[in-house]
């Protein structure tokens, strides 16, 4: 399992609620969480087969931005 991290603009519970259906429908994502306390609003995704571009596409489709950062 690999862990991918992203700087996002997901900043509150409402934002998390908006991206949840998008992230949850991707079967390859085993777990995800957003640290809204961190100033960079870090999204952490655990997956077997996805790469950063795949996750960024999902976040963009949900109406948010994500920038890959080293895990």
N, C-alpha and C. Protein backbone atom coordinates (compact mmCIF):
# COMPACT_ATOMS: atom_id res chain seq x y z
N UNK A 1 0.85 -1.17 0.00
CA UNK A 1 0.00 0.00 0.00
C UNK A 1 0.89 1.24 0.00
N UNK A 2 0.56 2.20 -0.86
CA UNK A 2 1.34 3.43 -0.86
C UNK A 2 0.49 4.59 -0.35
N UNK A 3 1.17 5.56 0.23
CA UNK A 3 0.52 6.75 0.77
C UNK A 3 0.88 7.95 -0.10
N UNK A 4 -0.15 8.65 -0.54
CA UNK A 4 0.02 9.86 -1.34
C UNK A 4 -0.47 11.05 -0.53
N UNK A 5 0.24 12.18 -0.62
CA UNK A 5 -0.15 13.38 0.12
C UNK A 5 -0.30 14.55 -0.84
N UNK A 6 -1.28 15.42 -0.53
CA UNK A 6 -1.61 16.54 -1.40
C UNK A 6 -1.92 17.78 -0.57
N UNK A 7 -1.46 18.91 -1.05
CA UNK A 7 -1.87 20.21 -0.51
C UNK A 7 -3.17 20.55 -1.23
N UNK A 8 -4.22 20.89 -0.47
CA UNK A 8 -5.54 21.13 -1.08
C UNK A 8 -6.15 22.44 -0.59
N UNK A 9 -7.31 22.75 -1.15
CA UNK A 9 -8.13 23.85 -0.65
C UNK A 9 -9.40 23.31 0.01
N UNK A 10 -9.33 22.10 0.54
CA UNK A 10 -10.44 21.48 1.29
C UNK A 10 -10.28 21.97 2.73
N UNK A 11 -11.11 22.94 3.14
CA UNK A 11 -10.81 23.64 4.38
C UNK A 11 -11.80 23.45 5.52
N UNK A 12 -12.91 22.75 5.29
CA UNK A 12 -13.90 22.65 6.37
C UNK A 12 -14.70 21.35 6.22
N UNK A 13 -15.57 21.13 7.18
CA UNK A 13 -16.41 19.94 7.14
C UNK A 13 -17.32 19.89 5.92
N UNK A 14 -17.80 21.06 5.48
CA UNK A 14 -18.63 21.11 4.28
C UNK A 14 -17.86 20.70 3.03
N UNK A 15 -16.59 21.13 2.97
CA UNK A 15 -15.73 20.74 1.85
C UNK A 15 -15.50 19.23 1.86
N UNK A 16 -15.25 18.70 3.05
CA UNK A 16 -15.02 17.26 3.17
C UNK A 16 -16.28 16.50 2.73
N UNK A 17 -17.44 16.99 3.13
CA UNK A 17 -18.70 16.36 2.72
C UNK A 17 -18.86 16.39 1.21
N UNK A 18 -18.39 17.47 0.57
CA UNK A 18 -18.51 17.59 -0.88
C UNK A 18 -17.60 16.62 -1.63
N UNK A 19 -16.38 16.38 -1.12
CA UNK A 19 -15.45 15.49 -1.82
C UNK A 19 -15.66 14.01 -1.46
N UNK A 20 -16.32 13.74 -0.34
CA UNK A 20 -16.49 12.36 0.12
C UNK A 20 -17.07 11.44 -0.94
N UNK A 21 -18.18 11.79 -1.60
CA UNK A 21 -18.71 10.84 -2.59
C UNK A 21 -17.75 10.59 -3.76
N UNK A 22 -16.97 11.59 -4.12
CA UNK A 22 -16.01 11.43 -5.22
C UNK A 22 -14.89 10.47 -4.83
N UNK A 23 -14.34 10.66 -3.63
CA UNK A 23 -13.24 9.80 -3.18
C UNK A 23 -13.73 8.40 -2.83
N UNK A 24 -14.91 8.30 -2.23
CA UNK A 24 -15.41 6.99 -1.82
C UNK A 24 -15.80 6.10 -3.00
N UNK A 25 -16.11 6.70 -4.15
CA UNK A 25 -16.50 5.84 -5.29
C UNK A 25 -15.30 5.25 -6.03
N UNK A 26 -14.10 5.71 -5.71
CA UNK A 26 -12.89 5.16 -6.33
C UNK A 26 -12.47 3.94 -5.51
N UNK A 27 -12.71 2.75 -6.05
CA UNK A 27 -12.48 1.52 -5.30
C UNK A 27 -11.02 1.31 -4.92
N UNK A 28 -10.11 1.87 -5.70
CA UNK A 28 -8.68 1.69 -5.42
C UNK A 28 -8.22 2.47 -4.19
N UNK A 29 -9.02 3.46 -3.76
CA UNK A 29 -8.67 4.22 -2.56
C UNK A 29 -9.13 3.41 -1.35
N UNK A 30 -8.18 3.00 -0.53
CA UNK A 30 -8.49 2.18 0.64
C UNK A 30 -8.84 3.04 1.85
N UNK A 31 -8.21 4.21 1.96
CA UNK A 31 -8.45 5.11 3.09
C UNK A 31 -8.03 6.51 2.67
N UNK A 32 -8.69 7.52 3.22
CA UNK A 32 -8.29 8.90 2.97
C UNK A 32 -8.73 9.77 4.14
N UNK A 33 -8.01 10.88 4.30
CA UNK A 33 -8.38 11.84 5.34
C UNK A 33 -7.78 13.20 4.98
N UNK A 34 -8.43 14.26 5.49
CA UNK A 34 -7.95 15.62 5.27
C UNK A 34 -7.65 16.24 6.62
N UNK A 35 -6.45 16.78 6.77
CA UNK A 35 -6.05 17.49 7.99
C UNK A 35 -6.39 18.96 7.78
N UNK A 36 -7.58 19.38 8.23
CA UNK A 36 -7.99 20.76 8.03
C UNK A 36 -7.35 21.71 9.04
N UNK A 37 -6.68 21.18 10.05
CA UNK A 37 -5.97 22.02 11.02
C UNK A 37 -4.65 22.50 10.42
N UNK A 38 -4.03 21.68 9.60
CA UNK A 38 -2.78 22.05 8.93
C UNK A 38 -3.05 23.20 7.96
N UNK A 39 -2.22 24.23 7.95
CA UNK A 39 -2.45 25.35 7.03
C UNK A 39 -2.48 24.95 5.55
N UNK A 40 -1.83 23.86 5.19
CA UNK A 40 -1.82 23.38 3.81
C UNK A 40 -2.98 22.44 3.50
N UNK A 41 -3.85 22.17 4.49
CA UNK A 41 -5.04 21.30 4.30
C UNK A 41 -4.64 20.00 3.61
N UNK A 42 -3.83 19.20 4.28
CA UNK A 42 -3.22 18.01 3.69
C UNK A 42 -4.23 16.86 3.55
N UNK A 43 -4.37 16.40 2.32
CA UNK A 43 -5.15 15.20 2.01
C UNK A 43 -4.18 14.04 1.94
N UNK A 44 -4.45 12.99 2.70
CA UNK A 44 -3.64 11.77 2.68
C UNK A 44 -4.51 10.65 2.12
N UNK A 45 -3.99 9.97 1.11
CA UNK A 45 -4.72 8.89 0.44
C UNK A 45 -3.87 7.64 0.48
N UNK A 46 -4.48 6.52 0.87
CA UNK A 46 -3.80 5.23 0.82
C UNK A 46 -4.43 4.40 -0.28
N UNK A 47 -3.57 3.87 -1.16
CA UNK A 47 -4.05 3.12 -2.31
C UNK A 47 -2.98 2.13 -2.75
N UNK A 48 -3.43 1.10 -3.42
CA UNK A 48 -2.51 0.12 -3.99
C UNK A 48 -2.00 0.56 -5.36
N UNK A 49 -2.91 1.05 -6.22
CA UNK A 49 -2.59 1.21 -7.63
C UNK A 49 -2.67 2.63 -8.19
N UNK A 50 -3.18 3.58 -7.45
CA UNK A 50 -3.35 4.92 -8.00
C UNK A 50 -2.06 5.72 -7.94
N UNK A 51 -1.93 6.65 -8.87
CA UNK A 51 -0.82 7.59 -8.78
C UNK A 51 -1.39 8.98 -8.47
N UNK A 52 -0.52 9.94 -8.26
CA UNK A 52 -0.93 11.28 -7.85
C UNK A 52 -1.89 11.90 -8.86
N UNK A 53 -1.64 11.71 -10.14
CA UNK A 53 -2.50 12.28 -11.17
C UNK A 53 -3.93 11.78 -11.08
N UNK A 54 -4.10 10.52 -10.73
CA UNK A 54 -5.44 9.95 -10.59
C UNK A 54 -6.22 10.65 -9.48
N UNK A 55 -5.57 10.84 -8.34
CA UNK A 55 -6.22 11.48 -7.19
C UNK A 55 -6.51 12.95 -7.50
N UNK A 56 -5.57 13.63 -8.14
CA UNK A 56 -5.78 15.04 -8.50
C UNK A 56 -6.99 15.17 -9.42
N UNK A 57 -7.17 14.24 -10.33
CA UNK A 57 -8.33 14.26 -11.23
C UNK A 57 -9.64 14.13 -10.45
N UNK A 58 -9.66 13.27 -9.46
CA UNK A 58 -10.87 13.08 -8.64
C UNK A 58 -11.17 14.36 -7.86
N UNK A 59 -10.15 14.95 -7.25
CA UNK A 59 -10.35 16.17 -6.47
C UNK A 59 -10.80 17.31 -7.37
N UNK A 60 -10.23 17.42 -8.55
CA UNK A 60 -10.62 18.46 -9.51
C UNK A 60 -12.08 18.27 -9.94
N UNK A 61 -12.48 17.03 -10.17
CA UNK A 61 -13.87 16.74 -10.55
C UNK A 61 -14.84 17.15 -9.45
N UNK A 62 -14.36 17.12 -8.20
CA UNK A 62 -15.20 17.51 -7.07
C UNK A 62 -15.23 19.03 -6.88
N UNK A 63 -14.42 19.75 -7.67
CA UNK A 63 -14.43 21.20 -7.60
C UNK A 63 -13.36 21.81 -6.70
N UNK A 64 -12.35 21.02 -6.36
CA UNK A 64 -11.28 21.49 -5.49
C UNK A 64 -9.93 21.34 -6.19
N UNK A 65 -8.89 21.86 -5.54
CA UNK A 65 -7.55 21.74 -6.10
C UNK A 65 -6.70 20.84 -5.22
N UNK A 66 -5.74 20.17 -5.83
CA UNK A 66 -4.80 19.33 -5.10
C UNK A 66 -3.45 19.40 -5.79
N UNK A 67 -2.43 19.52 -4.98
CA UNK A 67 -1.05 19.57 -5.49
C UNK A 67 -0.26 18.49 -4.75
N UNK A 68 0.34 17.60 -5.50
CA UNK A 68 1.10 16.50 -4.90
C UNK A 68 2.30 17.02 -4.11
N UNK A 69 2.50 16.44 -2.93
CA UNK A 69 3.67 16.76 -2.11
C UNK A 69 4.32 15.45 -1.70
N UNK A 70 5.63 15.46 -1.38
CA UNK A 70 6.28 14.22 -0.96
C UNK A 70 5.63 13.65 0.29
N UNK A 71 5.43 12.35 0.30
CA UNK A 71 4.79 11.68 1.45
C UNK A 71 5.72 11.60 2.64
